[in-house]
Protein backbone atom coordinates (compact mmCIF):
# COMPACT_ATOMS: atom_id res chain seq x y z
CA MET A 1 175.55 69.59 153.04
CA THR A 2 179.00 68.02 153.04
CA HIS A 3 177.76 65.19 150.82
CA LYS A 4 176.56 67.64 148.17
CA ARG A 5 179.81 69.57 147.77
CA PRO A 6 181.49 67.06 145.40
CA TYR A 7 178.50 67.33 143.07
CA VAL A 8 178.81 71.11 143.07
CA PHE A 9 182.41 70.83 141.92
CA LEU A 10 181.37 68.39 139.19
CA MET A 11 179.04 71.08 137.80
CA ILE A 12 181.92 73.51 137.23
CA PRO A 13 183.04 72.03 133.85
CA ALA A 14 179.45 72.07 132.61
CA LEU A 15 179.03 75.70 133.70
CA ILE A 16 182.30 76.71 132.02
CA ILE A 17 181.25 75.07 128.75
CA CYS A 18 177.78 76.62 128.92
CA VAL A 19 179.10 80.12 129.58
CA THR A 20 181.97 79.89 127.07
CA PHE A 21 180.18 78.29 124.14
CA PHE A 22 176.64 79.56 124.62
CA VAL A 23 176.04 82.47 126.98
CA LEU A 24 178.95 84.70 125.95
CA PRO A 25 178.59 84.19 122.16
CA MET A 26 174.83 84.80 122.35
CA MET A 27 175.32 87.94 124.40
CA MET A 28 177.92 89.22 121.93
CA LEU A 29 175.60 88.54 118.99
CA LEU A 30 172.73 90.31 120.72
CA TRP A 31 174.91 93.30 121.60
CA LEU A 32 176.28 93.47 118.06
CA SER A 33 172.81 93.25 116.51
CA ILE A 34 171.45 96.26 118.42
CA SER A 35 174.49 98.45 119.10
CA GLU A 36 175.93 99.48 115.74
CA GLN A 37 172.94 100.25 113.53
CA GLY A 38 170.02 99.57 115.82
CA ILE A 39 168.70 96.68 113.72
CA SER A 40 164.99 96.13 114.22
CA TYR A 41 163.97 92.48 114.19
CA TRP A 42 160.60 93.50 112.83
CA TYR A 43 162.48 95.12 109.94
CA ILE A 44 163.97 91.71 109.12
CA LEU A 45 160.51 90.14 109.00
CA THR A 46 159.16 92.83 106.67
CA LYS A 47 162.13 93.36 104.31
CA PRO A 48 161.41 91.22 101.19
CA ILE A 49 164.96 89.93 100.72
CA TYR A 50 165.26 88.71 104.30
CA LEU A 51 161.69 87.43 104.49
CA GLU A 52 162.18 85.44 101.30
CA SER A 53 165.40 84.00 102.68
CA LEU A 54 163.62 83.04 105.90
CA TRP A 55 160.69 81.35 104.18
CA SER A 56 162.94 79.57 101.67
CA THR A 57 164.99 78.14 104.51
CA LEU A 58 161.92 77.06 106.48
CA TRP A 59 160.24 75.51 103.44
CA LEU A 60 163.40 73.67 102.43
CA SER A 61 164.03 72.35 105.95
CA VAL A 62 160.45 71.15 106.43
CA THR A 63 160.41 69.47 103.00
CA VAL A 64 163.76 67.76 103.57
CA THR A 65 162.61 66.56 107.00
CA LEU A 66 159.32 65.11 105.74
CA ALA A 67 160.97 63.44 102.74
CA SER A 68 163.75 62.01 104.91
CA LEU A 69 161.28 60.62 107.44
CA THR A 70 159.14 59.01 104.74
CA ILE A 71 161.99 57.42 102.78
CA ALA A 72 164.03 56.39 105.80
CA THR A 73 161.07 54.83 107.62
CA VAL A 74 160.31 52.56 104.67
CA VAL A 75 163.98 51.65 104.20
CA GLY A 76 164.64 51.19 107.92
CA LEU A 77 161.65 48.89 108.46
CA PHE A 78 162.54 46.83 105.40
CA LEU A 79 166.16 46.39 106.51
CA THR A 80 165.11 45.46 110.02
CA ARG A 81 162.57 42.83 108.98
CA HIS A 82 164.40 41.18 106.07
CA GLU A 83 167.67 39.32 105.77
CA PHE A 84 169.51 39.05 102.45
CA PRO A 85 173.09 38.67 101.18
CA GLY A 86 175.06 41.90 101.42
CA LYS A 87 172.73 43.49 103.99
CA ALA A 88 175.58 44.44 106.32
CA ILE A 89 177.43 46.15 103.47
CA LEU A 90 174.28 48.01 102.42
CA VAL A 91 173.66 49.25 105.98
CA ALA A 92 177.28 50.40 106.22
CA MET A 93 176.96 52.26 102.90
CA LEU A 94 173.77 53.98 104.08
CA GLY A 95 175.71 55.47 106.96
CA PHE A 96 178.63 56.48 104.77
CA PRO A 97 177.35 60.03 103.96
CA LEU A 98 177.68 60.98 107.61
CA VAL A 99 181.49 61.04 107.29
CA PHE A 100 181.53 63.67 104.53
CA PRO A 101 181.51 67.43 105.14
CA GLY A 102 178.93 69.60 103.43
CA VAL A 103 181.39 70.83 100.79
CA VAL A 104 182.00 67.28 99.57
CA ILE A 105 178.26 66.57 99.48
CA GLY A 106 177.79 69.69 97.39
CA PHE A 107 180.46 68.40 95.01
CA PHE A 108 178.55 65.09 94.76
CA VAL A 109 175.39 66.99 93.77
CA ILE A 110 177.34 68.88 91.10
CA MET A 111 178.66 65.58 89.69
CA LEU A 112 175.09 64.29 89.64
CA ALA A 113 173.17 67.30 88.35
CA GLY A 114 175.72 69.96 87.44
CA ARG A 115 176.55 71.28 83.98
CA GLN A 116 178.91 68.34 83.35
CA GLY A 117 177.07 65.87 85.59
CA LEU A 118 175.25 62.62 84.96
CA PHE A 119 171.83 64.22 84.40
CA ALA A 120 173.33 66.77 82.01
CA GLU A 121 174.87 64.04 79.86
CA LEU A 122 171.66 62.01 80.00
CA GLY A 123 169.56 65.00 78.93
CA LEU A 124 172.01 65.79 76.14
CA ALA A 125 171.70 62.26 74.83
CA LEU A 126 167.92 62.00 75.12
CA ALA A 127 166.64 65.52 74.48
CA GLY A 128 169.57 67.43 73.05
CA GLU A 129 169.85 69.74 76.08
CA ARG A 130 171.62 69.52 79.38
CA TRP A 131 169.42 68.86 82.41
CA THR A 132 170.85 70.69 85.41
CA PHE A 133 169.42 71.54 88.80
CA ALA A 134 172.46 71.38 91.06
CA TYR A 135 172.73 75.14 91.47
CA SER A 136 169.12 75.71 92.54
CA ILE A 137 167.03 74.99 95.61
CA SER A 138 166.33 71.54 94.10
CA GLY A 139 170.04 70.72 94.15
CA LEU A 140 170.27 71.87 97.75
CA PHE A 141 167.26 69.67 98.56
CA VAL A 142 169.05 66.63 97.12
CA GLY A 143 172.22 67.48 99.02
CA TYR A 144 170.39 67.83 102.33
CA LEU A 145 168.56 64.55 101.71
CA TYR A 146 171.94 62.89 101.20
CA PHE A 147 173.05 63.48 104.78
CA SER A 148 169.59 63.50 106.41
CA ILE A 149 168.32 60.07 105.35
CA PRO A 150 171.13 58.08 107.05
CA ARG A 151 170.36 59.71 110.42
CA VAL A 152 166.73 58.65 110.24
CA VAL A 153 167.43 55.18 108.82
CA LEU A 154 169.79 54.31 111.66
CA THR A 155 167.33 55.65 114.23
CA VAL A 156 164.41 53.73 112.73
CA MET A 157 166.41 50.52 112.60
CA GLY A 158 167.41 50.90 116.24
CA ALA A 159 163.82 51.51 117.32
CA ALA A 160 162.36 48.78 115.09
CA GLU A 161 164.71 46.17 116.52
CA LYS A 162 163.22 46.85 119.96
CA LEU A 163 159.64 46.57 118.74
CA ASP A 164 157.65 43.88 120.58
CA LEU A 165 156.82 41.29 117.93
CA ASN A 166 154.07 39.90 120.15
CA LEU A 167 152.07 43.05 119.47
CA ILE A 168 152.31 42.45 115.74
CA GLU A 169 151.29 38.82 116.13
CA ALA A 170 148.36 39.90 118.28
CA GLY A 171 147.30 42.37 115.61
CA ARG A 172 147.41 39.66 112.95
CA SER A 173 145.37 37.28 115.09
CA LEU A 174 142.72 39.99 115.47
CA GLY A 175 142.47 40.38 111.70
CA ALA A 176 144.36 43.65 111.29
CA ASN A 177 145.87 44.26 107.86
CA ARG A 178 149.38 45.61 107.23
CA TRP A 179 148.26 49.24 107.05
CA GLN A 180 146.36 48.97 110.35
CA MET A 181 149.34 47.37 112.10
CA LEU A 182 151.63 50.05 110.70
CA ARG A 183 149.29 52.82 111.83
CA ASP A 184 148.34 51.44 115.26
CA ILE A 185 151.45 49.50 116.34
CA THR A 186 154.61 50.23 114.38
CA LEU A 187 154.44 54.00 113.90
CA PRO A 188 153.45 54.78 117.53
CA ALA A 189 156.42 52.68 118.70
CA LEU A 190 158.76 54.50 116.31
CA MET A 191 157.34 57.96 116.99
CA PRO A 192 159.87 59.09 119.66
CA GLY A 193 162.76 58.17 117.38
CA LEU A 194 161.11 59.77 114.35
CA ILE A 195 160.51 63.01 116.23
CA SER A 196 164.08 63.07 117.49
CA SER A 197 165.75 62.29 114.17
CA GLY A 198 163.33 64.54 112.32
CA SER A 199 164.22 67.47 114.56
CA ILE A 200 167.89 66.85 113.88
CA CYS A 201 167.21 66.82 110.12
CA PHE A 202 165.31 70.10 110.43
CA ALA A 203 167.98 71.77 112.56
CA THR A 204 170.78 70.61 110.25
CA SER A 205 168.94 71.81 107.14
CA MET A 206 168.26 75.19 108.73
CA GLY A 207 171.90 75.88 109.49
CA ALA A 208 173.94 73.82 107.02
CA PHE A 209 176.39 76.05 105.16
CA GLY A 210 178.99 73.95 103.36
CA THR A 211 176.63 72.38 100.84
CA ALA A 212 174.85 75.68 100.16
CA PHE A 213 178.18 77.47 99.73
CA THR A 214 179.38 74.87 97.21
CA LEU A 215 176.18 75.07 95.16
CA ALA A 216 175.55 78.81 95.61
CA THR A 217 174.39 80.33 92.35
CA ASP A 218 170.76 81.18 92.90
CA LEU A 219 170.27 80.16 96.53
CA ASN A 220 168.59 82.55 98.93
CA VAL A 221 168.73 80.68 102.24
CA LEU A 222 169.59 82.09 105.65
CA PRO A 223 173.12 80.66 106.01
CA MET A 224 174.11 82.20 102.66
CA THR A 225 172.35 85.48 103.52
CA ILE A 226 174.25 85.68 106.81
CA TYR A 227 177.51 84.95 105.01
CA SER A 228 176.81 87.66 102.42
CA GLU A 229 175.90 90.26 105.03
CA PHE A 230 179.01 89.49 107.04
CA THR A 231 181.66 89.14 104.32
CA LEU A 232 180.39 91.05 101.28
CA ASN A 233 178.37 93.87 102.84
CA ALA A 234 180.27 94.18 106.14
CA ASN A 235 176.85 94.52 107.78
CA PHE A 236 177.81 92.86 111.05
CA ALA A 237 174.70 93.98 112.90
CA MET A 238 172.38 92.39 110.35
CA ALA A 239 174.47 89.22 110.22
CA ALA A 240 174.27 88.96 114.00
CA ALA A 241 170.51 89.59 114.02
CA LEU A 242 169.90 86.96 111.33
CA SER A 243 172.12 84.51 113.20
CA LEU A 244 170.09 84.98 116.37
CA LEU A 245 166.84 84.54 114.45
CA LEU A 246 168.12 81.36 112.82
CA GLY A 247 169.36 80.02 116.15
CA LEU A 248 166.08 80.83 117.90
CA MET A 249 163.95 79.02 115.33
CA THR A 250 166.21 75.97 115.39
CA TRP A 251 166.33 75.93 119.19
CA LEU A 252 162.52 76.08 119.40
CA CYS A 253 162.28 73.09 117.07
CA LEU A 254 164.74 71.08 119.15
CA ALA A 255 163.02 72.07 122.41
CA ILE A 256 159.61 70.97 121.12
CA ALA A 257 161.08 67.73 119.77
CA ARG A 258 162.81 67.01 123.09
CA ARG A 259 159.51 67.47 124.91
CA GLN A 260 157.65 65.23 122.46
CA GLY A 261 160.31 62.65 121.68
CA GLY A 262 162.10 62.23 124.98
CA THR A 263 165.82 61.89 125.53
CA SER A 264 166.45 59.97 122.30
CA LEU A 265 167.13 63.34 120.66
CA ALA A 266 170.82 62.81 121.41
CA MET A 267 170.89 60.05 118.82
CA GLY A 268 171.02 62.64 116.08
CA GLY A 269 174.74 63.31 116.53
C-alpha cells in the first residue's frame, strides 16, 4: 500500500482539472437547461428551427470530414512517395492554416468568394454578375476545409512514412495493380490515422464558431443558434440545452473514433 500512495497524489492534478473544466461546467449547463424554463430535449428535436440547425450542422460536419479525408489522403500519399524541389516549403505551407483563428479563416473566405472577392470579380468579368457564396453554407464548407485538410494531411504523411514497403513490393510481385494495393495494403495501414484525424475534423466542424460568426448571414448551424439564444434572445436555458446536445454528439463521435482508431486520436491537436 505504501508504494501506491505516490501515484494517488499524482492523480490529484488530473482530478482537479477534470472536475474544474468538465464536471462542474457540465453540471451547471444541465442545471441551467432544466431549472429556469423546464426545457424539454424532445422539444428541441421537434421544433423546426432547432431541428434544421441540428441537421445542417451534422450534414456540414460529415461532408467536410469526408472531403477532407479524400483530398488529404491523395495529397499526403503523393507527398510521402515523391521528392521534388520545394517539397519542404509546400509541406510547411500546408500546415500554415493551423496557426490562424477561425475569424481570420472566415476573412480569407470573404476575400475569395465575398461580394468584393476573387470569384466576384471573375464572375463580373466573364458573366456580368458577381459570383458570391461566402455568406452561405458553401462558404462555411470552404472555410472548414481550409483548417481540416492540414490535420489529415500531416496525419496521413506520418502514417505513410511508417508503411512497410515490403508489403507493397510483395503485392506487386503477386500481380496486384495500384488500386488493389491501395485497397488491401495502404488504406488498412492508414485507417487508424484516418479515423482519428477524421473524428477531429468532425468535432471541430461541429463546434467551430469563429468562422461561422465571421460569415454569418444565412447560416443556421448550432454554434450560431446557441450564440443567438444566449445573446440576442437571453434564452439561457435553451442555449445550455443546445450546448449539451452539441457536446454529447461530438463526444460520442470522439469516443467511437477512439475505440476504432486507437490512441492516435491525440494527433488531432
